[in-house]
PDB file of N, CA and C in Angstrom:
ATOM      1  N   MET A   1       0.438  15.522  74.773  1.00  0.00           N
ATOM      2  CA  MET A   1      -0.312  16.250  73.383  1.00  0.00           C
ATOM      3  C   MET A   1       0.816  17.810  73.690  1.00  0.00           C
ATOM      4  N   ALA A   2       2.200  17.835  74.254  1.00  0.00           N
ATOM      5  CA  ALA A   2       2.840  18.064  74.407  1.00  0.00           C
ATOM      6  C   ALA A   2       3.634  18.207  72.447  1.00  0.00           C
ATOM      7  N   ASP A   3       3.886  17.076  71.971  1.00  0.00           N
ATOM      8  CA  ASP A   3       4.264  16.137  70.606  1.00  0.00           C
ATOM      9  C   ASP A   3       3.268  17.212  69.767  1.00  0.00           C
ATOM     10  N   ASP A   4       2.458  17.056  70.021  1.00  0.00           N
ATOM     11  CA  ASP A   4       1.049  18.097  69.227  1.00  0.00           C
ATOM     12  C   ASP A   4       1.531  19.372  68.875  1.00  0.00           C
ATOM     13  N   ALA A   5       2.066  19.983  69.909  1.00  0.00           N
ATOM     14  CA  ALA A   5       2.213  21.763  69.603  1.00  0.00           C
ATOM     15  C   ALA A   5       3.597  22.019  68.997  1.00  0.00           C
ATOM     16  N   ALA A   6       3.483  21.102  68.527  1.00  0.00           N
ATOM     17  CA  ALA A   6       5.345  21.369  67.807  1.00  0.00           C
ATOM     18  C   ALA A   6       5.012  21.010  66.273  1.00  0.00           C
ATOM     19  N   GLN A   7       3.797  20.366  65.985  1.00  0.00           N
ATOM     20  CA  GLN A   7       3.325  20.113  64.691  1.00  0.00           C
ATOM     21  C   GLN A   7       2.335  20.992  64.371  1.00  0.00           C
ATOM     22  N   PRO A   8       3.004  21.792  62.965  1.00  0.00           N
ATOM     23  CA  PRO A   8       2.208  22.387  62.217  1.00  0.00           C
ATOM     24  C   PRO A   8       0.841  22.693  61.977  1.00  0.00           C
ATOM     25  N   PRO A   9      -0.313  22.748  62.324  1.00  0.00           N
ATOM     26  CA  PRO A   9      -1.998  22.470  62.176  1.00  0.00           C
ATOM     27  C   PRO A   9      -1.732  22.225  60.685  1.00  0.00           C
ATOM     28  N   LEU A  10      -3.132  21.441  61.198  1.00  0.00           N
ATOM     29  CA  LEU A  10      -3.400  20.728  59.495  1.00  0.00           C
ATOM     30  C   LEU A  10      -3.870  22.122  58.528  1.00  0.00           C
ATOM     31  N   LEU A  11      -4.480  22.535  59.019  1.00  0.00           N
ATOM     32  CA  LEU A  11      -4.785  23.510  58.320  1.00  0.00           C
ATOM     33  C   LEU A  11      -4.875  24.777  58.859  1.00  0.00           C
ATOM     34  N   ARG A  12      -4.482  26.211  58.503  1.00  0.00           N
ATOM     35  CA  ARG A  12      -4.323  27.485  58.838  1.00  0.00           C
ATOM     36  C   ARG A  12      -4.857  28.295  57.523  1.00  0.00           C
ATOM     37  N   MET A  13      -5.758  29.217  58.087  1.00  0.00           N
ATOM     38  CA  MET A  13      -6.699  30.374  57.014  1.00  0.00           C
ATOM     39  C   MET A  13      -6.541  31.721  57.926  1.00  0.00           C
ATOM     40  N   ARG A  14      -5.636  32.807  57.540  1.00  0.00           N
ATOM     41  CA  ARG A  14      -4.793  33.490  58.550  1.00  0.00           C
ATOM     42  C   ARG A  14      -5.568  34.930  57.697  1.00  0.00           C
ATOM     43  N   GLY A  15      -6.310  35.780  58.143  1.00  0.00           N
ATOM     44  CA  GLY A  15      -6.904  36.904  57.292  1.00  0.00           C
ATOM     45  C   GLY A  15      -7.324  36.814  55.825  1.00  0.00           C
ATOM     46  N   ILE A  16      -8.447  35.907  56.001  1.00  0.00           N
ATOM     47  CA  ILE A  16      -8.752  35.258  54.372  1.00  0.00           C
ATOM     48  C   ILE A  16      -9.832  36.630  54.540  1.00  0.00           C
ATOM     49  N   SER A  17      -9.707  36.956  52.897  1.00  0.00           N
ATOM     50  CA  SER A  17     -10.949  38.485  52.148  1.00  0.00           C
ATOM     51  C   SER A  17     -11.344  37.591  51.675  1.00  0.00           C
ATOM     52  N   LYS A  18     -12.818  37.868  51.596  1.00  0.00           N
ATOM     53  CA  LYS A  18     -13.320  37.746  49.471  1.00  0.00           C
ATOM     54  C   LYS A  18     -14.400  38.724  49.240  1.00  0.00           C
ATOM     55  N   ALA A  19     -14.118  39.175  48.305  1.00  0.00           N
ATOM     56  CA  ALA A  19     -15.515  40.194  48.002  1.00  0.00           C
ATOM     57  C   ALA A  19     -15.832  40.122  46.724  1.00  0.00           C
ATOM     58  N   PHE A  20     -17.062  40.279  46.327  1.00  0.00           N
ATOM     59  CA  PHE A  20     -17.925  39.555  45.274  1.00  0.00           C
ATOM     60  C   PHE A  20     -18.339  41.534  44.856  1.00  0.00           C
ATOM     61  N   PRO A  21     -18.739  41.666  43.636  1.00  0.00           N
ATOM     62  CA  PRO A  21     -19.197  43.048  43.305  1.00  0.00           C
ATOM     63  C   PRO A  21     -20.690  43.195  43.927  1.00  0.00           C
ATOM     64  N   GLY A  22     -20.109  44.299  44.844  1.00  0.00           N
ATOM     65  CA  GLY A  22     -21.269  44.861  45.680  1.00  0.00           C
ATOM     66  C   GLY A  22     -21.599  44.040  47.218  1.00  0.00           C
ATOM     67  N   VAL A  23     -20.851  42.323  47.308  1.00  0.00           N
ATOM     68  CA  VAL A  23     -20.562  42.225  48.715  1.00  0.00           C
ATOM     69  C   VAL A  23     -19.575  41.466  49.055  1.00  0.00           C
ATOM     70  N   GLN A  24     -19.226  42.231  50.503  1.00  0.00           N
ATOM     71  CA  GLN A  24     -17.650  41.913  51.494  1.00  0.00           C
ATOM     72  C   GLN A  24     -18.483  40.250  51.479  1.00  0.00           C
ATOM     73  N   ALA A  25     -17.413  39.459  51.195  1.00  0.00           N
ATOM     74  CA  ALA A  25     -18.431  37.758  51.536  1.00  0.00           C
ATOM     75  C   ALA A  25     -17.250  37.318  52.645  1.00  0.00           C
ATOM     76  N   LEU A  26     -15.757  37.398  52.808  1.00  0.00           N
ATOM     77  CA  LEU A  26     -15.610  37.532  54.131  1.00  0.00           C
ATOM     78  C   LEU A  26     -14.562  38.255  54.184  1.00  0.00           C
ATOM     79  N   SER A  27     -14.119  38.674  55.740  1.00  0.00           N
ATOM     80  CA  SER A  27     -13.137  39.902  55.982  1.00  0.00           C
ATOM     81  C   SER A  27     -12.626  39.665  57.254  1.00  0.00           C
ATOM     82  N   GLU A  28     -11.101  38.829  56.880  1.00  0.00           N
ATOM     83  CA  GLU A  28     -10.145  38.499  58.221  1.00  0.00           C
ATOM     84  C   GLU A  28     -10.833  37.309  58.644  1.00  0.00           C
ATOM     85  N   VAL A  29     -10.919  36.479  58.639  1.00  0.00           N
ATOM     86  CA  VAL A  29     -11.249  35.433  58.676  1.00  0.00           C
ATOM     87  C   VAL A  29     -10.115  34.550  59.280  1.00  0.00           C
ATOM     88  N   ASP A  30     -10.273  34.011  60.850  1.00  0.00           N
ATOM     89  CA  ASP A  30      -8.752  33.014  60.743  1.00  0.00           C
ATOM     90  C   ASP A  30      -9.634  31.726  60.991  1.00  0.00           C
ATOM     91  N   LEU A  31      -9.201  30.433  60.895  1.00  0.00           N
ATOM     92  CA  LEU A  31      -9.461  29.198  61.383  1.00  0.00           C
ATOM     93  C   LEU A  31      -7.976  28.534  61.064  1.00  0.00           C
ATOM     94  N   THR A  32      -7.764  27.466  62.675  1.00  0.00           N
ATOM     95  CA  THR A  32      -7.024  26.824  62.641  1.00  0.00           C
ATOM     96  C   THR A  32      -7.886  25.576  62.881  1.00  0.00           C
ATOM     97  N   LEU A  33      -6.971  24.334  62.541  1.00  0.00           N
ATOM     98  CA  LEU A  33      -7.240  22.607  62.360  1.00  0.00           C
ATOM     99  C   LEU A  33      -6.143  22.257  62.549  1.00  0.00           C
ATOM    100  N   HIS A  34      -6.405  21.539  64.063  1.00  0.00           N
ATOM    101  CA  HIS A  34      -4.891  20.312  64.262  1.00  0.00           C
ATOM    102  C   HIS A  34      -5.438  19.413  63.709  1.00  0.00           C
ATOM    103  N   ALA A  35      -4.320  18.126  63.688  1.00  0.00           N
ATOM    104  CA  ALA A  35      -4.790  16.870  64.081  1.00  0.00           C
ATOM    105  C   ALA A  35      -5.658  16.218  64.791  1.00  0.00           C
ATOM    106  N   GLY A  36      -6.363  15.640  64.621  1.00  0.00           N
ATOM    107  CA  GLY A  36      -8.058  14.756  65.801  1.00  0.00           C
ATOM    108  C   GLY A  36      -8.857  15.573  65.742  1.00  0.00           C
ATOM    109  N   GLU A  37      -8.593  16.944  65.701  1.00  0.00           N
ATOM    110  CA  GLU A  37      -9.755  18.305  66.172  1.00  0.00           C
ATOM    111  C   GLU A  37     -11.153  17.859  65.042  1.00  0.00           C
ATOM    112  N   VAL A  38     -12.359  18.192  65.598  1.00  0.00           N
ATOM    113  CA  VAL A  38     -12.983  18.109  64.653  1.00  0.00           C
ATOM    114  C   VAL A  38     -13.992  19.155  64.576  1.00  0.00           C
ATOM    115  N   LEU A  39     -14.639  20.216  63.587  1.00  0.00           N
ATOM    116  CA  LEU A  39     -15.171  21.449  63.087  1.00  0.00           C
ATOM    117  C   LEU A  39     -16.061  21.261  62.385  1.00  0.00           C
ATOM    118  N   GLY A  40     -16.997  22.186  63.428  1.00  0.00           N
ATOM    119  CA  GLY A  40     -18.314  22.296  62.770  1.00  0.00           C
ATOM    120  C   GLY A  40     -18.459  24.030  62.028  1.00  0.00           C
ATOM    121  N   LEU A  41     -19.223  24.251  60.593  1.00  0.00           N
ATOM    122  CA  LEU A  41     -18.985  25.133  60.280  1.00  0.00           C
ATOM    123  C   LEU A  41     -20.520  26.223  60.687  1.00  0.00           C
ATOM    124  N   LEU A  42     -20.596  27.151  61.076  1.00  0.00           N
ATOM    125  CA  LEU A  42     -22.680  27.135  61.299  1.00  0.00           C
ATOM    126  C   LEU A  42     -22.328  28.457  61.155  1.00  0.00           C
ATOM    127  N   GLY A  43     -23.504  28.840  60.676  1.00  0.00           N
ATOM    128  CA  GLY A  43     -24.295  30.147  60.094  1.00  0.00           C
ATOM    129  C   GLY A  43     -25.233  30.602  59.640  1.00  0.00           C
ATOM    130  N   GLU A  44     -26.018  31.862  59.613  1.00  0.00           N
ATOM    131  CA  GLU A  44     -26.950  31.710  58.894  1.00  0.00           C
ATOM    132  C   GLU A  44     -27.253  31.647  57.410  1.00  0.00           C
ATOM    133  N   ASN A  45     -27.537  31.886  56.582  1.00  0.00           N
ATOM    134  CA  ASN A  45     -27.295  32.701  55.063  1.00  0.00           C
ATOM    135  C   ASN A  45     -26.832  33.303  54.223  1.00  0.00           C
ATOM    136  N   GLY A  46     -25.908  33.397  53.609  1.00  0.00           N
ATOM    137  CA  GLY A  46     -24.927  34.556  52.896  1.00  0.00           C
ATOM    138  C   GLY A  46     -24.339  34.795  54.439  1.00  0.00           C
ATOM    139  N   ALA A  47     -23.906  34.220  54.953  1.00  0.00           N
ATOM    140  CA  ALA A  47     -22.800  34.293  56.328  1.00  0.00           C
ATOM    141  C   ALA A  47     -20.637  33.671  55.628  1.00  0.00           C
ATOM    142  N   GLY A  48     -20.942  32.874  54.608  1.00  0.00           N
ATOM    143  CA  GLY A  48     -19.639  32.781  54.123  1.00  0.00           C
ATOM    144  C   GLY A  48     -19.348  31.823  54.024  1.00  0.00           C
ATOM    145  N   LYS A  49     -19.615  30.639  54.762  1.00  0.00           N
ATOM    146  CA  LYS A  49     -19.603  29.000  55.157  1.00  0.00           C
ATOM    147  C   LYS A  49     -18.942  29.045  53.592  1.00  0.00           C
ATOM    148  N   SER A  50     -19.918  28.835  52.502  1.00  0.00           N
ATOM    149  CA  SER A  50     -19.618  28.398  51.492  1.00  0.00           C
ATOM    150  C   SER A  50     -18.294  28.906  50.548  1.00  0.00           C
ATOM    151  N   THR A  51     -17.769  29.976  50.627  1.00  0.00           N
ATOM    152  CA  THR A  51     -17.276  31.177  49.884  1.00  0.00           C
ATOM    153  C   THR A  51     -15.711  30.402  50.921  1.00  0.00           C
ATOM    154  N   LEU A  52     -15.715  30.185  52.197  1.00  0.00           N
ATOM    155  CA  LEU A  52     -14.638  29.744  53.118  1.00  0.00           C
ATOM    156  C   LEU A  52     -14.435  28.308  52.525  1.00  0.00           C
ATOM    157  N   ILE A  53     -15.385  27.521  51.848  1.00  0.00           N
ATOM    158  CA  ILE A  53     -14.858  25.971  52.196  1.00  0.00           C
ATOM    159  C   ILE A  53     -13.873  26.331  50.589  1.00  0.00           C
ATOM    160  N   LYS A  54     -15.307  26.670  49.829  1.00  0.00           N
ATOM    161  CA  LYS A  54     -14.368  26.792  47.769  1.00  0.00           C
ATOM    162  C   LYS A  54     -13.532  27.522  48.173  1.00  0.00           C
ATOM    163  N   ILE A  55     -13.137  28.233  48.985  1.00  0.00           N
ATOM    164  CA  ILE A  55     -11.212  28.834  49.123  1.00  0.00           C
ATOM    165  C   ILE A  55     -10.011  27.749  49.121  1.00  0.00           C
ATOM    166  N   LEU A  56     -10.698  27.017  50.287  1.00  0.00           N
ATOM    167  CA  LEU A  56      -9.612  26.166  51.168  1.00  0.00           C
ATOM    168  C   LEU A  56      -9.785  25.327  49.686  1.00  0.00           C
ATOM    169  N   GLY A  57     -10.774  24.630  49.195  1.00  0.00           N
ATOM    170  CA  GLY A  57     -10.610  23.672  47.712  1.00  0.00           C
ATOM    171  C   GLY A  57     -10.049  24.146  46.911  1.00  0.00           C
ATOM    172  N   GLY A  58      -9.990  25.670  46.671  1.00  0.00           N
ATOM    173  CA  GLY A  58      -9.418  26.376  45.611  1.00  0.00           C
ATOM    174  C   GLY A  58     -10.059  26.147  44.037  1.00  0.00           C
ATOM    175  N   ALA A  59     -11.506  26.796  44.596  1.00  0.00           N
ATOM    176  CA  ALA A  59     -12.599  27.268  43.768  1.00  0.00           C
ATOM    177  C   ALA A  59     -12.534  28.430  43.492  1.00  0.00           C
ATOM    178  N   HIS A  60     -12.055  29.362  44.703  1.00  0.00           N
ATOM    179  CA  HIS A  60     -12.560  30.369  44.679  1.00  0.00           C
ATOM    180  C   HIS A  60     -10.849  31.334  45.439  1.00  0.00           C
ATOM    181  N   ALA A  61     -10.345  31.931  43.825  1.00  0.00           N
ATOM    182  CA  ALA A  61      -9.668  32.625  45.325  1.00  0.00           C
ATOM    183  C   ALA A  61      -9.717  34.260  46.402  1.00  0.00           C
ATOM    184  N   HIS A  62      -8.853  33.751  47.780  1.00  0.00           N
ATOM    185  CA  HIS A  62      -9.069  34.629  48.029  1.00  0.00           C
ATOM    186  C   HIS A  62      -8.198  36.515  48.057  1.00  0.00           C
ATOM    187  N   ASP A  63      -8.708  36.874  48.476  1.00  0.00           N
ATOM    188  CA  ASP A  63      -8.164  38.318  47.901  1.00  0.00           C
ATOM    189  C   ASP A  63      -7.282  38.937  49.121  1.00  0.00           C
ATOM    190  N   GLU A  64      -7.363  38.332  50.032  1.00  0.00           N
ATOM    191  CA  GLU A  64      -6.219  38.554  51.284  1.00  0.00           C
ATOM    192  C   GLU A  64      -6.046  37.205  52.110  1.00  0.00           C
ATOM    193  N   GLY A  65      -4.749  37.437  52.685  1.00  0.00           N
ATOM    194  CA  GLY A  65      -4.811  36.456  53.897  1.00  0.00           C
ATOM    195  C   GLY A  65      -4.392  34.818  53.169  1.00  0.00           C
ATOM    196  N   GLU A  66      -3.965  34.033  53.769  1.00  0.00           N
ATOM    197  CA  GLU A  66      -3.175  33.131  53.381  1.00  0.00           C
ATOM    198  C   GLU A  66      -3.355  31.747  53.906  1.00  0.00           C
ATOM    199  N   VAL A  67      -3.461  31.003  53.035  1.00  0.00           N
ATOM    200  CA  VAL A  67      -4.010  29.484  53.350  1.00  0.00           C
ATOM    201  C   VAL A  67      -2.787  28.586  53.505  1.00  0.00           C
ATOM    202  N   SER A  68      -2.851  27.501  54.759  1.00  0.00           N
ATOM    203  CA  SER A  68      -1.610  26.483  54.774  1.00  0.00           C
ATOM    204  C   SER A  68      -2.176  25.403  55.047  1.00  0.00           C
ATOM    205  N   ILE A  69      -1.912  24.540  54.704  1.00  0.00           N
ATOM    206  CA  ILE A  69      -1.919  22.738  54.292  1.00  0.00           C
ATOM    207  C   ILE A  69      -0.778  22.101  54.645  1.00  0.00           C
ATOM    208  N   ALA A  70      -1.008  21.722  55.736  1.00  0.00           N
ATOM    209  CA  ALA A  70       0.236  21.022  56.678  1.00  0.00           C
ATOM    210  C   ALA A  70       1.601  22.023  56.504  1.00  0.00           C
ATOM    211  N   GLY A  71       1.923  22.828  57.218  1.00  0.00           N
ATOM    212  CA  GLY A  71       2.590  23.637  57.117  1.00  0.00           C
ATOM    213  C   GLY A  71       2.784  24.849  55.390  1.00  0.00           C
ATOM    214  N   LYS A  72       2.189  24.043  54.513  1.00  0.00           N
ATOM    215  CA  LYS A  72       3.097  24.233  53.274  1.00  0.00           C
ATOM    216  C   LYS A  72       1.752  25.592  52.436  1.00  0.00           C
ATOM    217  N   LEU A  73       2.379  26.806  51.913  1.00  0.00           N
ATOM    218  CA  LEU A  73       1.510  27.431  51.275  1.00  0.00           C
ATOM    219  C   LEU A  73       0.458  27.185  49.958  1.00  0.00           C
TER     220      LEU A  73
END
């Protein structure tokens, strides 16, 4: 496992914020996922789950923060 610590995470989202007219959908969200991990994204309706995934997939731009995949922005 020590070798895993030297590897950058597969996915890192830092300080992600996204607003739509009249709605703050995400505010300073952080997410890190390493190789071999399994992640579940849970929340109430309107909590921002779909918005977060759409930012990750490039369908929405984030207003603040950064997304890196395999260490690349």
